[in-house]
Amino acid sequence: MRSYYITLRYFIEFSYNGKNYFGYQIQPDAISVQEELEKALSTILREEIKTTGAGRTDTGVHAKKIFAHFDTEKVLDAELPRRLNSFLPPDISIERIFRVKDNFHARFDATFRTYEYYISLVKNPFTQESAWQHWKRPLDIDAMNKACKILFEYEDFTSFAKLKTDNKTNICKMYRAEWEQNGSELKFTVSANRFLRNMVRAIVGTMVEIGTGKLQPEDLRKVIEDKNRNAAGTSAPAHGLYLVDVGYEF
């Protein structure tokens, strides 16, 4: 008699400190978050598990909230997150695992993604690995926020895209972009339906050039319209960037 198996799809909500990883996505000869996650799942579930993430963060970038999906024939119990956390390294943490529709996709069904970038305006020994230490020159935050408003006028962000990628389009719809100062810390929050590789760090690097007076806020229009990565500023350091939310309509 022929047996039929039902494949179930699960979502994982998790976070990680990206310091020790060459990004989320598996790559040859380099440690990745995806590799550690799949190794832990495969070991505990005793079958080969492949995950699909909501996105692929760059080397050294962190995620406070990110999702991935995977398929299995097993009905999973509520203890799996705890067991996974016991197996995974300290810099990766599972928040929850839950069932979704069989065709629900962690990457393609995401409606928005939100990143935060942190800059320390003073020399701070306790944030050396979690924020960009930019204390030698003051930043004009009003000018940087004026430039943020210009981002909403455009959808083609080729100038902020990593060169030689497999992107089929560089079109992104911006939902939020603003700088906020809290004491000696500066936070940039940016949200869009999708982001290009290196896009947020390139925007931050360009915004800092505006903040230091190297560029004027209005110069951002020419940077974007040039559609040339060389027109934008140098990418901000990876360790100050955090993926903080991914939206879905479950």
Protein backbone atom coordinates (compact mmCIF):
# COMPACT_ATOMS: atom_id res chain seq x y z
CA MET A 1 0.00 0.00 0.00
CA ARG A 2 1.39 3.38 -0.99
CA SER A 3 2.07 5.86 1.83
CA TYR A 4 1.42 9.57 1.55
CA TYR A 5 3.20 12.11 3.69
CA ILE A 6 2.00 15.59 4.51
CA THR A 7 4.66 18.28 4.61
CA LEU A 8 4.11 20.99 7.18
CA ARG A 9 5.58 24.49 6.98
CA TYR A 10 6.88 26.26 10.07
CA PHE A 11 8.10 29.80 10.70
CA ILE A 12 10.96 30.56 13.08
CA GLU A 13 11.28 33.95 14.76
CA PHE A 14 14.83 34.47 16.00
CA SER A 15 17.63 36.97 16.60
CA TYR A 16 21.40 36.97 16.37
CA ASN A 17 24.54 38.96 16.97
CA GLY A 18 26.27 39.01 13.60
CA LYS A 19 29.80 39.71 14.82
CA ASN A 20 31.07 36.16 14.28
CA TYR A 21 29.18 35.43 11.04
CA PHE A 22 29.67 36.15 7.37
CA GLY A 23 26.03 37.13 7.06
CA TYR A 24 22.87 35.05 7.33
CA GLN A 25 23.06 33.08 4.08
CA ILE A 26 25.11 29.89 3.70
CA GLN A 27 28.29 30.35 1.69
CA PRO A 28 31.34 28.16 1.03
CA ASP A 29 34.23 28.24 3.49
CA ALA A 30 32.61 30.83 5.78
CA ILE A 31 30.47 30.47 8.88
CA SER A 32 26.89 31.75 8.56
CA VAL A 33 23.79 32.01 10.73
CA GLN A 34 21.83 29.83 8.33
CA GLU A 35 24.40 27.05 8.59
CA GLU A 36 24.23 27.05 12.39
CA LEU A 37 20.42 27.12 12.36
CA GLU A 38 20.07 24.27 9.88
CA LYS A 39 22.67 22.17 11.68
CA ALA A 40 20.77 22.54 14.96
CA LEU A 41 17.36 21.81 13.41
CA SER A 42 18.65 18.81 11.47
CA THR A 43 20.31 17.35 14.55
CA ILE A 44 17.29 17.71 16.82
CA LEU A 45 14.66 16.66 14.24
CA ARG A 46 16.90 13.89 12.86
CA GLU A 47 16.31 14.84 9.25
CA GLU A 48 17.91 17.25 6.80
CA ILE A 49 16.30 20.65 7.28
CA LYS A 50 16.74 23.54 4.85
CA THR A 51 15.61 27.02 5.82
CA THR A 52 14.62 30.07 3.77
CA GLY A 53 15.26 33.39 5.48
CA ALA A 54 13.38 36.68 5.23
CA GLY A 55 16.58 38.23 3.88
CA ARG A 56 20.32 37.90 3.87
CA THR A 57 22.20 40.27 6.13
CA ASP A 58 25.78 41.23 5.32
CA THR A 59 28.85 40.12 7.24
CA GLY A 60 28.79 41.51 10.78
CA VAL A 61 25.21 42.84 10.61
CA HIS A 62 22.86 41.92 13.48
CA ALA A 63 19.19 40.93 13.61
CA LYS A 64 16.96 41.68 16.58
CA LYS A 65 13.96 40.13 14.83
CA ILE A 66 14.08 37.99 11.71
CA PHE A 67 12.12 35.05 10.33
CA ALA A 68 12.83 31.92 8.32
CA HIS A 69 10.66 29.03 7.20
CA PHE A 70 11.29 25.31 6.84
CA ASP A 71 9.30 22.18 5.97
CA THR A 72 9.03 18.90 7.83
CA GLU A 73 6.67 15.94 8.07
CA LYS A 74 6.84 16.09 11.87
CA VAL A 75 4.32 17.80 14.12
CA LEU A 76 6.53 19.94 16.32
CA ASP A 77 5.98 20.46 20.04
CA ALA A 78 6.27 23.58 22.18
CA GLU A 79 9.61 22.45 23.60
CA LEU A 80 11.49 22.80 20.31
CA PRO A 81 12.55 26.46 20.80
CA ARG A 82 14.05 25.65 24.20
CA ARG A 83 15.87 22.62 22.82
CA LEU A 84 17.20 24.63 19.89
CA ASN A 85 18.43 27.40 22.18
CA SER A 86 20.30 24.79 24.22
CA PHE A 87 21.98 23.51 21.06
CA LEU A 88 22.71 26.81 19.28
CA PRO A 89 25.68 29.08 20.11
CA PRO A 90 25.04 31.97 22.55
CA ASP A 91 24.84 34.58 19.77
CA ILE A 92 21.74 33.03 18.13
CA SER A 93 18.42 32.92 19.98
CA ILE A 94 15.09 31.34 18.98
CA GLU A 95 12.01 33.30 20.04
CA ARG A 96 9.23 31.05 18.72
CA ILE A 97 8.32 28.45 16.08
CA PHE A 98 4.81 28.28 14.66
CA ARG A 99 2.79 26.72 11.83
CA VAL A 100 1.87 28.72 8.74
CA LYS A 101 0.09 27.96 5.48
CA ASP A 102 1.99 25.51 3.30
CA ASN A 103 2.74 28.13 0.64
CA PHE A 104 3.63 30.98 2.99
CA HIS A 105 7.13 32.29 2.23
CA ALA A 106 9.50 34.01 4.65
CA ARG A 107 11.07 36.16 1.95
CA PHE A 108 8.44 36.75 -0.71
CA ASP A 109 5.46 37.25 1.62
CA ALA A 110 7.20 39.89 3.75
CA THR A 111 5.39 43.23 3.43
CA PHE A 112 8.10 45.39 4.97
CA ARG A 113 11.50 45.28 6.63
CA THR A 114 12.79 47.74 9.21
CA TYR A 115 16.41 48.44 10.08
CA GLU A 116 18.05 50.56 12.76
CA TYR A 117 21.55 51.99 12.58
CA TYR A 118 23.34 53.26 15.69
CA ILE A 119 26.03 55.92 15.90
CA SER A 120 27.83 56.89 19.10
CA LEU A 121 28.50 60.63 19.23
CA VAL A 122 31.09 60.19 21.99
CA LYS A 123 33.97 57.78 22.43
CA ASN A 124 32.24 54.92 24.23
CA PRO A 125 34.24 51.82 25.21
CA PHE A 126 31.02 49.88 25.81
CA THR A 127 29.57 50.31 22.31
CA GLN A 128 32.71 49.74 20.26
CA GLU A 129 31.18 46.62 18.70
CA SER A 130 27.54 47.70 18.56
CA ALA A 131 27.61 51.24 17.14
CA TRP A 132 29.67 53.36 14.76
CA GLN A 133 32.00 55.51 16.87
CA HIS A 134 31.67 58.87 15.12
CA TRP A 135 32.79 61.40 17.74
CA LYS A 136 35.65 63.27 16.11
CA ARG A 137 33.38 65.49 13.98
CA PRO A 138 29.91 66.79 14.92
CA LEU A 139 26.89 65.80 12.85
CA ASP A 140 24.11 68.16 11.75
CA ILE A 141 21.10 65.98 12.54
CA ASP A 142 18.62 68.50 11.14
CA ALA A 143 20.38 68.37 7.77
CA MET A 144 20.35 64.56 7.87
CA ASN A 145 16.62 64.51 8.56
CA LYS A 146 16.03 67.01 5.77
CA ALA A 147 17.81 64.58 3.45
CA CYS A 148 15.63 61.73 4.72
CA LYS A 149 12.56 63.42 3.27
CA ILE A 150 14.16 63.34 -0.18
CA LEU A 151 14.37 59.53 -0.06
CA PHE A 152 10.57 59.35 -0.32
CA GLU A 153 10.66 61.06 -3.71
CA TYR A 154 12.41 58.07 -5.32
CA GLU A 155 12.03 54.34 -5.81
CA ASP A 156 15.16 53.47 -7.84
CA PHE A 157 18.01 53.13 -5.34
CA THR A 158 20.70 51.82 -7.70
CA SER A 159 23.19 54.32 -6.25
CA PHE A 160 23.01 52.53 -2.90
CA ALA A 161 23.15 48.98 -4.25
CA LYS A 162 26.15 46.69 -3.97
CA LEU A 163 27.80 46.30 -7.38
CA LYS A 164 27.63 43.05 -9.36
CA THR A 165 24.69 41.40 -7.62
CA ASP A 166 21.89 39.25 -8.98
CA ASN A 167 19.18 41.85 -8.28
CA LYS A 168 16.46 41.78 -10.93
CA THR A 169 15.31 45.25 -9.90
CA ASN A 170 16.61 48.09 -7.75
CA ILE A 171 13.13 49.47 -7.10
CA CYS A 172 12.19 49.85 -3.40
CA LYS A 173 9.28 51.65 -1.78
CA MET A 174 10.34 53.65 1.26
CA TYR A 175 7.96 53.80 4.24
CA ARG A 176 10.04 55.47 6.95
CA ALA A 177 13.41 57.19 7.29
CA GLU A 178 14.42 59.34 10.25
CA TRP A 179 17.24 60.15 12.64
CA GLU A 180 16.67 60.42 16.39
CA GLN A 181 19.14 61.47 19.08
CA ASN A 182 18.97 60.02 22.58
CA GLY A 183 21.73 61.51 24.67
CA SER A 184 25.03 60.64 23.04
CA GLU A 185 23.49 58.02 20.76
CA LEU A 186 22.07 58.61 17.29
CA LYS A 187 19.62 56.14 15.74
CA PHE A 188 18.57 55.92 12.11
CA THR A 189 15.33 54.03 11.49
CA VAL A 190 14.48 53.04 7.94
CA SER A 191 11.64 50.88 6.66
CA ALA A 192 10.76 49.77 3.13
CA ASN A 193 9.07 46.94 1.29
CA ARG A 194 12.52 45.59 0.39
CA PHE A 195 16.19 46.55 0.59
CA LEU A 196 19.09 46.00 -1.77
CA ARG A 197 22.33 44.46 -0.58
CA ASN A 198 24.39 47.04 1.33
CA MET A 199 21.65 49.65 0.77
CA VAL A 200 21.14 50.80 4.35
CA ARG A 201 24.85 51.09 5.08
CA ALA A 202 25.36 53.07 1.86
CA ILE A 203 22.50 55.42 2.78
CA VAL A 204 23.93 55.91 6.28
CA GLY A 205 27.40 56.62 4.88
CA THR A 206 25.93 59.23 2.54
CA MET A 207 23.82 60.76 5.32
CA VAL A 208 26.92 61.14 7.49
CA GLU A 209 28.62 63.04 4.66
CA ILE A 210 25.59 65.35 4.72
CA GLY A 211 25.82 65.59 8.51
CA THR A 212 29.47 66.65 8.37
CA GLY A 213 28.82 69.21 5.61
CA LYS A 214 30.69 67.37 2.86
CA LEU A 215 27.36 67.18 1.02
CA GLN A 216 24.25 69.31 1.28
CA PRO A 217 20.81 67.69 1.75
CA GLU A 218 19.80 68.71 -1.78
CA ASP A 219 22.86 66.90 -3.16
CA LEU A 220 21.13 63.62 -2.30
CA ARG A 221 18.86 64.05 -5.33
CA LYS A 222 21.83 64.00 -7.71
CA VAL A 223 23.34 61.02 -5.87
CA ILE A 224 20.14 59.02 -6.38
CA GLU A 225 19.50 60.21 -9.93
CA ASP A 226 23.04 59.29 -11.03
CA LYS A 227 22.17 55.60 -10.43
CA ASN A 228 25.83 55.00 -9.76
CA ARG A 229 27.22 53.45 -6.56
CA ASN A 230 30.31 55.66 -6.84
CA ALA A 231 28.11 58.75 -6.44
CA ALA A 232 27.07 57.74 -2.92
CA GLY A 233 29.12 57.78 0.25
CA THR A 234 31.28 55.01 1.69
CA SER A 235 29.30 52.27 3.42
CA ALA A 236 28.91 52.67 7.17
CA PRO A 237 30.48 49.92 9.33
CA ALA A 238 28.41 46.75 9.53
CA HIS A 239 28.42 46.42 13.33
CA GLY A 240 26.10 49.41 13.80
CA LEU A 241 23.29 47.90 11.69
CA TYR A 242 20.36 45.85 13.01
CA LEU A 243 17.41 44.27 11.26
CA VAL A 244 14.67 44.93 13.84
CA ASP A 245 11.41 43.85 12.21
CA VAL A 246 9.89 42.01 9.26
CA GLY A 247 6.17 42.38 8.57
CA TYR A 248 3.70 39.73 7.41
CA GLU A 249 -0.02 39.34 6.99
CA PHE A 250 -0.40 35.96 8.65
